[in-house]
Amino acid sequence: MTRTDVLAPGPLQNYVVGRMSAGGGGGAWLDGQERAPALKAFEMSGALTVDGPNARISGYSEEDWARGGDVGFEICSKAKAEMLDVFKRLRVAGGRTSGRLGQHAAYGFVSTG
């Protein structure tokens, strides 16, 4: 892809634009999260889902982060049980069994209330 290529907005970008202009649109849980931490969680969970527990995020391009963000957004826009199941599988795939490692260590408890 050359730098002159324009990517169509993905689901995450559409959600963010909708949330900023209309104040919501992702459901009560998503809309209740602070934007910046939620976006980082979407990007990181998507990166780990797509590229595995050893994802080399230091070399990610803007397109890589957009792809990961879209995947993570799709995960987090599902029902709470499905989302937590994906996080559990990511933790196990990374060789972790304790909830105090992996995403929990980086982001703390996911607010499900």
Protein backbone atom coordinates (compact mmCIF):
# COMPACT_ATOMS: atom_id res chain seq x y z
CA MET A 1 0.00 0.00 0.00
CA THR A 2 1.37 3.42 -0.87
CA ARG A 3 0.95 6.48 1.35
CA THR A 4 -1.48 7.96 -1.18
CA ASP A 5 -3.94 5.11 -0.69
CA VAL A 6 -6.96 6.06 1.38
CA LEU A 7 -8.51 3.41 3.55
CA ALA A 8 -12.25 3.29 4.02
CA PRO A 9 -13.28 3.91 7.63
CA GLY A 10 -13.62 0.68 9.59
CA PRO A 11 -16.11 -0.20 12.34
CA LEU A 12 -14.02 1.38 15.10
CA GLN A 13 -13.59 4.68 13.28
CA ASN A 14 -17.31 4.76 12.44
CA TYR A 15 -18.14 4.14 16.12
CA VAL A 16 -15.78 6.87 17.36
CA VAL A 17 -17.15 9.43 14.89
CA GLY A 18 -20.71 8.44 15.80
CA ARG A 19 -19.98 8.63 19.50
CA MET A 20 -18.35 12.05 19.21
CA SER A 21 -21.15 13.48 17.08
CA ALA A 22 -24.20 11.73 18.53
CA GLY A 23 -22.93 10.82 21.99
CA GLY A 24 -23.25 7.06 21.67
CA GLY A 25 -24.18 4.19 19.47
CA GLY A 26 -22.17 1.25 20.77
CA GLY A 27 -24.42 0.10 23.54
CA ALA A 28 -24.43 0.98 27.22
CA TRP A 29 -21.17 -0.80 28.11
CA LEU A 30 -19.09 0.65 25.26
CA ASP A 31 -20.57 4.11 25.56
CA GLY A 32 -19.88 4.10 29.30
CA GLN A 33 -16.13 3.60 28.85
CA GLU A 34 -13.73 6.53 28.64
CA ARG A 35 -12.66 6.93 25.01
CA ALA A 36 -8.86 6.88 25.22
CA PRO A 37 -8.48 3.77 27.45
CA ALA A 38 -11.23 1.98 25.51
CA LEU A 39 -9.53 2.70 22.17
CA LYS A 40 -6.20 1.38 23.47
CA ALA A 41 -7.93 -1.74 24.80
CA PHE A 42 -9.61 -2.27 21.40
CA GLU A 43 -6.30 -1.88 19.58
CA MET A 44 -4.35 -4.15 21.92
CA SER A 45 -6.98 -6.89 22.14
CA GLY A 46 -7.26 -6.82 18.33
CA ALA A 47 -3.48 -6.94 17.88
CA LEU A 48 -3.23 -9.94 20.21
CA THR A 49 -6.15 -11.66 18.49
CA VAL A 50 -4.75 -11.13 14.99
CA ASP A 51 -1.02 -11.54 15.60
CA GLY A 52 -0.93 -13.67 18.75
CA PRO A 53 0.62 -13.15 22.15
CA ASN A 54 3.98 -12.21 20.69
CA ALA A 55 2.63 -9.50 18.39
CA ARG A 56 5.45 -7.13 17.45
CA ILE A 57 3.47 -3.97 18.07
CA SER A 58 6.56 -1.75 18.09
CA GLY A 59 6.66 -2.15 14.31
CA TYR A 60 2.96 -1.58 13.69
CA SER A 61 1.97 0.91 11.03
CA GLU A 62 -1.12 3.10 11.24
CA GLU A 63 -2.88 0.52 9.08
CA ASP A 64 -1.90 -2.29 11.46
CA TRP A 65 -3.32 -0.35 14.42
CA ALA A 66 -6.50 0.40 12.48
CA ARG A 67 -6.88 -3.30 11.61
CA GLY A 68 -6.28 -4.32 15.23
CA GLY A 69 -8.64 -1.64 16.49
CA ASP A 70 -11.42 -2.89 14.22
CA VAL A 71 -10.95 -6.48 15.40
CA GLY A 72 -10.83 -5.39 19.06
CA PHE A 73 -13.90 -3.22 18.62
CA GLU A 74 -15.82 -6.16 17.19
CA ILE A 75 -14.77 -8.24 20.23
CA CYS A 76 -15.74 -5.57 22.75
CA SER A 77 -19.06 -4.77 21.08
CA LYS A 78 -20.29 -8.32 21.71
CA ALA A 79 -22.10 -9.50 24.79
CA LYS A 80 -20.10 -9.27 28.02
CA ALA A 81 -19.69 -13.05 28.34
CA GLU A 82 -18.32 -13.37 24.79
CA MET A 83 -15.91 -10.48 25.31
CA LEU A 84 -14.57 -11.92 28.58
CA ASP A 85 -14.20 -15.34 26.92
CA VAL A 86 -12.01 -13.80 24.20
CA PHE A 87 -9.87 -12.10 26.86
CA LYS A 88 -9.53 -15.41 28.72
CA ARG A 89 -8.44 -17.19 25.52
CA LEU A 90 -5.88 -14.45 24.84
CA ARG A 91 -4.50 -14.82 28.35
CA VAL A 92 -4.20 -18.60 28.00
CA ALA A 93 -2.67 -18.29 24.51
CA GLY A 94 -0.04 -16.05 26.05
CA GLY A 95 0.85 -18.77 28.55
CA ARG A 96 -0.96 -17.10 31.42
CA THR A 97 -3.49 -18.69 33.72
CA SER A 98 -3.74 -15.99 36.39
CA GLY A 99 -6.00 -13.01 35.80
CA ARG A 100 -3.25 -10.84 37.28
CA LEU A 101 -1.10 -11.14 34.17
CA GLY A 102 -1.67 -10.26 30.53
CA GLN A 103 -4.42 -7.70 29.84
CA HIS A 104 -5.32 -7.42 33.52
CA ALA A 105 -1.81 -6.32 34.37
CA ALA A 106 -1.93 -3.66 31.67
CA TYR A 107 -5.54 -2.47 31.92
CA GLY A 108 -6.88 -3.62 35.30
CA PHE A 109 -10.33 -5.10 35.61
CA VAL A 110 -12.65 -4.56 32.67
CA SER A 111 -15.65 -2.59 33.87
CA THR A 112 -18.69 -4.75 33.17
CA GLY A 113 -21.20 -2.82 35.20
